[in-house]
Amino acid sequence: MGQVESDELYGGIDRKGVHCVFPVQAKGGKDKLNIVQILQDFALCETKFPDLVCRPIAAQFMNAAVIVLFEFERGKRGISIASEKHCHLAPPEEMTKAELESYRQRVG
């Protein structure tokens, strides 16, 4: 495997106890996500972390207040988006204590 560039790399355990590795690509401004980078993330996981489940993530900043988060999976038909979430970024002072507590309870 040649040179591979990921913006971040994290390890973790999901709610079912599965050990995972999360290569992260982040793009902002005019930069766009590229499937080649996601393919390279899968290759990186296979080479460096063969015993972990690879869960590539990409973040695309749409503007200063909106980010889209993608998780990718590989199947028989190739790479596909497993999940896509659009999030409004809010400074802490815009969040009430009740909203933060509600969020904490949802994500447990």
N, C-alpha and C. Protein backbone atom coordinates (compact mmCIF):
# COMPACT_ATOMS: atom_id res chain seq x y z
N MET A 1 0.86 -1.18 0.00
CA MET A 1 0.00 0.00 0.00
C MET A 1 0.89 1.23 0.00
N GLY A 2 0.58 2.18 -0.85
CA GLY A 2 1.33 3.42 -0.91
C GLY A 2 0.91 4.38 0.17
N GLN A 3 1.14 5.64 -0.07
CA GLN A 3 0.81 6.68 0.90
C GLN A 3 -0.70 6.88 0.98
N VAL A 4 -1.20 6.95 2.21
CA VAL A 4 -2.62 7.19 2.46
C VAL A 4 -2.74 8.34 3.44
N GLU A 5 -3.67 9.26 3.16
CA GLU A 5 -3.85 10.40 4.05
C GLU A 5 -5.27 10.39 4.62
N SER A 6 -5.34 10.29 5.94
CA SER A 6 -6.61 10.46 6.66
C SER A 6 -6.44 11.65 7.57
N ASP A 7 -7.50 12.41 7.77
CA ASP A 7 -7.40 13.58 8.64
C ASP A 7 -7.28 13.18 10.10
N GLU A 8 -7.99 12.15 10.50
CA GLU A 8 -7.96 11.66 11.88
C GLU A 8 -8.17 10.15 11.84
N LEU A 9 -7.77 9.48 12.92
CA LEU A 9 -7.98 8.04 13.05
C LEU A 9 -8.29 7.74 14.50
N TYR A 10 -9.43 7.09 14.73
CA TYR A 10 -9.86 6.78 16.10
C TYR A 10 -10.17 5.30 16.22
N GLY A 11 -9.98 4.77 17.40
CA GLY A 11 -10.41 3.43 17.73
C GLY A 11 -11.52 3.52 18.76
N GLY A 12 -12.42 2.54 18.76
CA GLY A 12 -13.50 2.58 19.73
C GLY A 12 -14.23 1.26 19.80
N ILE A 13 -15.19 1.21 20.71
CA ILE A 13 -16.04 0.04 20.89
C ILE A 13 -17.48 0.51 20.78
N ASP A 14 -18.25 -0.15 19.92
CA ASP A 14 -19.64 0.28 19.75
C ASP A 14 -20.53 -0.27 20.86
N ARG A 15 -21.80 0.01 20.79
CA ARG A 15 -22.75 -0.38 21.85
C ARG A 15 -22.88 -1.89 22.00
N LYS A 16 -22.53 -2.63 20.96
CA LYS A 16 -22.61 -4.10 21.01
C LYS A 16 -21.28 -4.73 21.44
N GLY A 17 -20.29 -3.89 21.74
CA GLY A 17 -18.99 -4.39 22.17
C GLY A 17 -18.03 -4.72 21.03
N VAL A 18 -18.38 -4.30 19.81
CA VAL A 18 -17.53 -4.56 18.65
C VAL A 18 -16.41 -3.52 18.60
N HIS A 19 -15.18 -3.99 18.43
CA HIS A 19 -14.02 -3.10 18.33
C HIS A 19 -13.93 -2.56 16.91
N CYS A 20 -13.86 -1.24 16.79
CA CYS A 20 -13.89 -0.57 15.49
C CYS A 20 -12.74 0.41 15.35
N VAL A 21 -12.42 0.70 14.10
CA VAL A 21 -11.48 1.78 13.78
C VAL A 21 -12.23 2.75 12.87
N PHE A 22 -12.06 4.05 13.14
CA PHE A 22 -12.79 5.10 12.44
C PHE A 22 -11.81 6.05 11.74
N PRO A 23 -11.47 5.80 10.47
CA PRO A 23 -10.70 6.80 9.74
C PRO A 23 -11.64 7.95 9.35
N VAL A 24 -11.17 9.17 9.50
CA VAL A 24 -12.03 10.34 9.28
C VAL A 24 -11.44 11.23 8.18
N GLN A 25 -12.30 11.60 7.24
CA GLN A 25 -11.97 12.59 6.22
C GLN A 25 -12.82 13.82 6.51
N ALA A 26 -12.22 14.99 6.50
CA ALA A 26 -12.97 16.23 6.74
C ALA A 26 -12.69 17.21 5.61
N LYS A 27 -13.76 17.78 5.09
CA LYS A 27 -13.65 18.73 3.98
C LYS A 27 -14.44 19.98 4.28
N GLY A 28 -13.90 21.10 3.86
CA GLY A 28 -14.59 22.37 4.04
C GLY A 28 -14.34 23.25 2.84
N GLY A 29 -15.05 24.35 2.78
CA GLY A 29 -14.87 25.28 1.66
C GLY A 29 -15.21 24.63 0.34
N LYS A 30 -14.34 24.76 -0.63
CA LYS A 30 -14.57 24.20 -1.95
C LYS A 30 -14.10 22.76 -2.07
N ASP A 31 -13.43 22.23 -1.03
CA ASP A 31 -12.98 20.84 -1.07
C ASP A 31 -14.19 19.91 -1.02
N LYS A 32 -14.13 18.84 -1.78
CA LYS A 32 -15.22 17.86 -1.84
C LYS A 32 -14.70 16.49 -1.44
N LEU A 33 -15.60 15.68 -0.90
CA LEU A 33 -15.27 14.31 -0.57
C LEU A 33 -14.99 13.53 -1.85
N ASN A 34 -14.10 12.54 -1.75
CA ASN A 34 -13.69 11.77 -2.92
C ASN A 34 -13.75 10.29 -2.55
N ILE A 35 -14.39 9.48 -3.39
CA ILE A 35 -14.53 8.06 -3.11
C ILE A 35 -13.17 7.36 -3.01
N VAL A 36 -12.17 7.87 -3.72
CA VAL A 36 -10.84 7.28 -3.66
C VAL A 36 -10.30 7.34 -2.24
N GLN A 37 -10.54 8.43 -1.55
CA GLN A 37 -10.07 8.55 -0.16
C GLN A 37 -10.76 7.53 0.74
N ILE A 38 -12.04 7.28 0.50
CA ILE A 38 -12.76 6.30 1.30
C ILE A 38 -12.23 4.90 1.00
N LEU A 39 -11.97 4.60 -0.26
CA LEU A 39 -11.37 3.31 -0.62
C LEU A 39 -10.02 3.14 0.07
N GLN A 40 -9.23 4.21 0.10
CA GLN A 40 -7.93 4.15 0.78
C GLN A 40 -8.10 3.94 2.28
N ASP A 41 -9.14 4.52 2.87
CA ASP A 41 -9.39 4.31 4.29
C ASP A 41 -9.70 2.84 4.57
N PHE A 42 -10.50 2.21 3.71
CA PHE A 42 -10.77 0.78 3.88
C PHE A 42 -9.47 -0.03 3.74
N ALA A 43 -8.63 0.33 2.76
CA ALA A 43 -7.36 -0.37 2.58
C ALA A 43 -6.45 -0.19 3.79
N LEU A 44 -6.41 1.01 4.33
CA LEU A 44 -5.62 1.28 5.53
C LEU A 44 -6.07 0.38 6.68
N CYS A 45 -7.37 0.30 6.89
CA CYS A 45 -7.91 -0.54 7.97
C CYS A 45 -7.54 -2.00 7.77
N GLU A 46 -7.69 -2.50 6.54
CA GLU A 46 -7.37 -3.90 6.26
C GLU A 46 -5.91 -4.21 6.52
N THR A 47 -5.04 -3.26 6.20
CA THR A 47 -3.60 -3.48 6.35
C THR A 47 -3.14 -3.30 7.79
N LYS A 48 -3.54 -2.22 8.41
CA LYS A 48 -3.03 -1.86 9.74
C LYS A 48 -3.87 -2.40 10.90
N PHE A 49 -5.16 -2.62 10.67
CA PHE A 49 -6.07 -3.03 11.74
C PHE A 49 -6.97 -4.17 11.26
N PRO A 50 -6.40 -5.30 10.85
CA PRO A 50 -7.20 -6.37 10.24
C PRO A 50 -8.23 -7.00 11.18
N ASP A 51 -8.05 -6.88 12.48
CA ASP A 51 -8.97 -7.50 13.43
C ASP A 51 -10.09 -6.57 13.89
N LEU A 52 -10.09 -5.32 13.40
CA LEU A 52 -11.10 -4.35 13.80
C LEU A 52 -12.09 -4.11 12.65
N VAL A 53 -13.30 -3.74 12.99
CA VAL A 53 -14.30 -3.37 11.98
C VAL A 53 -14.01 -1.94 11.52
N CYS A 54 -13.87 -1.77 10.22
CA CYS A 54 -13.57 -0.45 9.65
C CYS A 54 -14.87 0.31 9.41
N ARG A 55 -14.95 1.53 9.97
CA ARG A 55 -16.14 2.37 9.82
C ARG A 55 -15.71 3.77 9.39
N PRO A 56 -15.37 3.95 8.09
CA PRO A 56 -14.94 5.26 7.62
C PRO A 56 -16.02 6.32 7.79
N ILE A 57 -15.57 7.49 8.21
CA ILE A 57 -16.46 8.63 8.44
C ILE A 57 -15.93 9.82 7.64
N ALA A 58 -16.85 10.60 7.10
CA ALA A 58 -16.47 11.83 6.41
C ALA A 58 -17.34 12.97 6.93
N ALA A 59 -16.72 14.12 7.05
CA ALA A 59 -17.42 15.34 7.47
C ALA A 59 -17.27 16.37 6.37
N GLN A 60 -18.39 16.90 5.91
CA GLN A 60 -18.39 17.94 4.88
C GLN A 60 -19.03 19.18 5.47
N PHE A 61 -18.25 20.24 5.62
CA PHE A 61 -18.79 21.50 6.11
C PHE A 61 -19.49 22.20 4.95
N MET A 62 -20.79 22.42 5.10
CA MET A 62 -21.57 23.07 4.06
C MET A 62 -21.43 24.59 4.15
N ASN A 63 -21.39 25.08 5.37
CA ASN A 63 -21.14 26.49 5.66
C ASN A 63 -20.70 26.57 7.12
N ALA A 64 -20.60 27.76 7.66
CA ALA A 64 -20.09 27.90 9.03
C ALA A 64 -21.01 27.29 10.08
N ALA A 65 -22.27 27.03 9.73
CA ALA A 65 -23.22 26.54 10.72
C ALA A 65 -23.78 25.15 10.44
N VAL A 66 -23.42 24.54 9.30
CA VAL A 66 -23.98 23.23 8.95
C VAL A 66 -22.87 22.27 8.55
N ILE A 67 -22.92 21.07 9.13
CA ILE A 67 -21.98 20.02 8.79
C ILE A 67 -22.78 18.77 8.44
N VAL A 68 -22.32 18.03 7.44
CA VAL A 68 -22.93 16.76 7.08
C VAL A 68 -21.94 15.66 7.44
N LEU A 69 -22.42 14.66 8.19
CA LEU A 69 -21.59 13.54 8.61
C LEU A 69 -22.04 12.29 7.86
N PHE A 70 -21.08 11.59 7.25
CA PHE A 70 -21.36 10.36 6.51
C PHE A 70 -20.61 9.21 7.16
N GLU A 71 -21.24 8.04 7.19
CA GLU A 71 -20.52 6.81 7.51
C GLU A 71 -20.66 5.91 6.29
N PHE A 72 -19.56 5.25 5.91
CA PHE A 72 -19.55 4.43 4.71
C PHE A 72 -19.45 2.95 5.08
N GLU A 73 -19.95 2.11 4.17
CA GLU A 73 -19.81 0.67 4.32
C GLU A 73 -19.47 0.07 2.96
N ARG A 74 -18.88 -1.11 3.02
CA ARG A 74 -18.54 -1.80 1.78
C ARG A 74 -19.39 -3.06 1.69
N GLY A 75 -20.01 -3.25 0.54
CA GLY A 75 -20.85 -4.42 0.32
C GLY A 75 -20.55 -5.04 -1.03
N LYS A 76 -21.40 -5.93 -1.46
CA LYS A 76 -21.22 -6.62 -2.73
C LYS A 76 -21.22 -5.66 -3.92
N ARG A 77 -21.91 -4.53 -3.77
CA ARG A 77 -22.01 -3.55 -4.87
C ARG A 77 -20.97 -2.44 -4.75
N GLY A 78 -20.06 -2.55 -3.79
CA GLY A 78 -19.02 -1.53 -3.62
C GLY A 78 -19.26 -0.69 -2.39
N ILE A 79 -18.78 0.54 -2.43
CA ILE A 79 -18.89 1.46 -1.30
C ILE A 79 -20.23 2.18 -1.37
N SER A 80 -20.89 2.28 -0.21
CA SER A 80 -22.14 3.03 -0.14
C SER A 80 -22.20 3.81 1.17
N ILE A 81 -23.12 4.73 1.23
CA ILE A 81 -23.31 5.53 2.44
C ILE A 81 -24.21 4.74 3.39
N ALA A 82 -23.67 4.42 4.58
CA ALA A 82 -24.45 3.69 5.59
C ALA A 82 -25.36 4.64 6.34
N SER A 83 -24.89 5.86 6.58
CA SER A 83 -25.73 6.86 7.24
C SER A 83 -25.26 8.25 6.84
N GLU A 84 -26.20 9.17 6.87
CA GLU A 84 -25.93 10.58 6.55
C GLU A 84 -26.72 11.44 7.53
N LYS A 85 -26.02 12.34 8.20
CA LYS A 85 -26.68 13.21 9.18
C LYS A 85 -26.28 14.65 8.93
N HIS A 86 -27.28 15.52 8.86
CA HIS A 86 -27.04 16.95 8.71
C HIS A 86 -27.21 17.59 10.08
N CYS A 87 -26.21 18.34 10.49
CA CYS A 87 -26.22 18.92 11.84
C CYS A 87 -26.02 20.42 11.77
N HIS A 88 -26.82 21.13 12.54
CA HIS A 88 -26.64 22.57 12.71
C HIS A 88 -25.69 22.76 13.88
N LEU A 89 -24.60 23.46 13.65
CA LEU A 89 -23.63 23.72 14.71
C LEU A 89 -24.07 24.94 15.50
N ALA A 90 -24.13 24.79 16.79
CA ALA A 90 -24.59 25.88 17.65
C ALA A 90 -23.57 26.13 18.75
N PRO A 91 -23.24 27.39 19.00
CA PRO A 91 -22.34 27.70 20.10
C PRO A 91 -23.00 27.30 21.43
N PRO A 92 -22.20 26.94 22.42
CA PRO A 92 -22.76 26.50 23.71
C PRO A 92 -23.74 27.49 24.32
N GLU A 93 -23.50 28.77 24.13
CA GLU A 93 -24.39 29.76 24.75
C GLU A 93 -25.79 29.76 24.12
N GLU A 94 -25.96 29.13 22.96
CA GLU A 94 -27.28 29.03 22.34
C GLU A 94 -28.06 27.81 22.81
N MET A 95 -27.42 26.94 23.58
CA MET A 95 -28.07 25.72 24.06
C MET A 95 -28.56 25.91 25.49
N THR A 96 -29.79 25.52 25.75
CA THR A 96 -30.30 25.59 27.11
C THR A 96 -29.89 24.33 27.87
N LYS A 97 -29.92 24.41 29.18
CA LYS A 97 -29.61 23.23 30.00
C LYS A 97 -30.59 22.10 29.71
N ALA A 98 -31.84 22.43 29.48
CA ALA A 98 -32.85 21.41 29.17
C ALA A 98 -32.54 20.70 27.85
N GLU A 99 -32.09 21.45 26.84
CA GLU A 99 -31.73 20.84 25.55
C GLU A 99 -30.54 19.91 25.71
N LEU A 100 -29.53 20.35 26.45
CA LEU A 100 -28.35 19.51 26.68
C LEU A 100 -28.72 18.24 27.44
N GLU A 101 -29.55 18.35 28.44
CA GLU A 101 -29.97 17.17 29.21
C GLU A 101 -30.79 16.22 28.34
N SER A 102 -31.66 16.76 27.51
CA SER A 102 -32.45 15.93 26.59
C SER A 102 -31.53 15.17 25.64
N TYR A 103 -30.51 15.84 25.14
CA TYR A 103 -29.55 15.18 24.25
C TYR A 103 -28.80 14.08 24.98
N ARG A 104 -28.34 14.35 26.19
CA ARG A 104 -27.61 13.34 26.97
C ARG A 104 -28.47 12.09 27.18
N GLN A 105 -29.74 12.27 27.44
CA GLN A 105 -30.63 11.13 27.66
C GLN A 105 -30.84 10.33 26.39
N ARG A 106 -30.90 11.00 25.24
CA ARG A 106 -31.11 10.30 23.97
C ARG A 106 -29.91 9.46 23.57
N VAL A 107 -28.71 9.97 23.79
CA VAL A 107 -27.52 9.25 23.34
C VAL A 107 -26.97 8.31 24.40
N GLY A 108 -27.47 8.44 25.60
CA GLY A 108 -27.15 7.54 26.70
C GLY A 108 -25.75 7.25 26.87
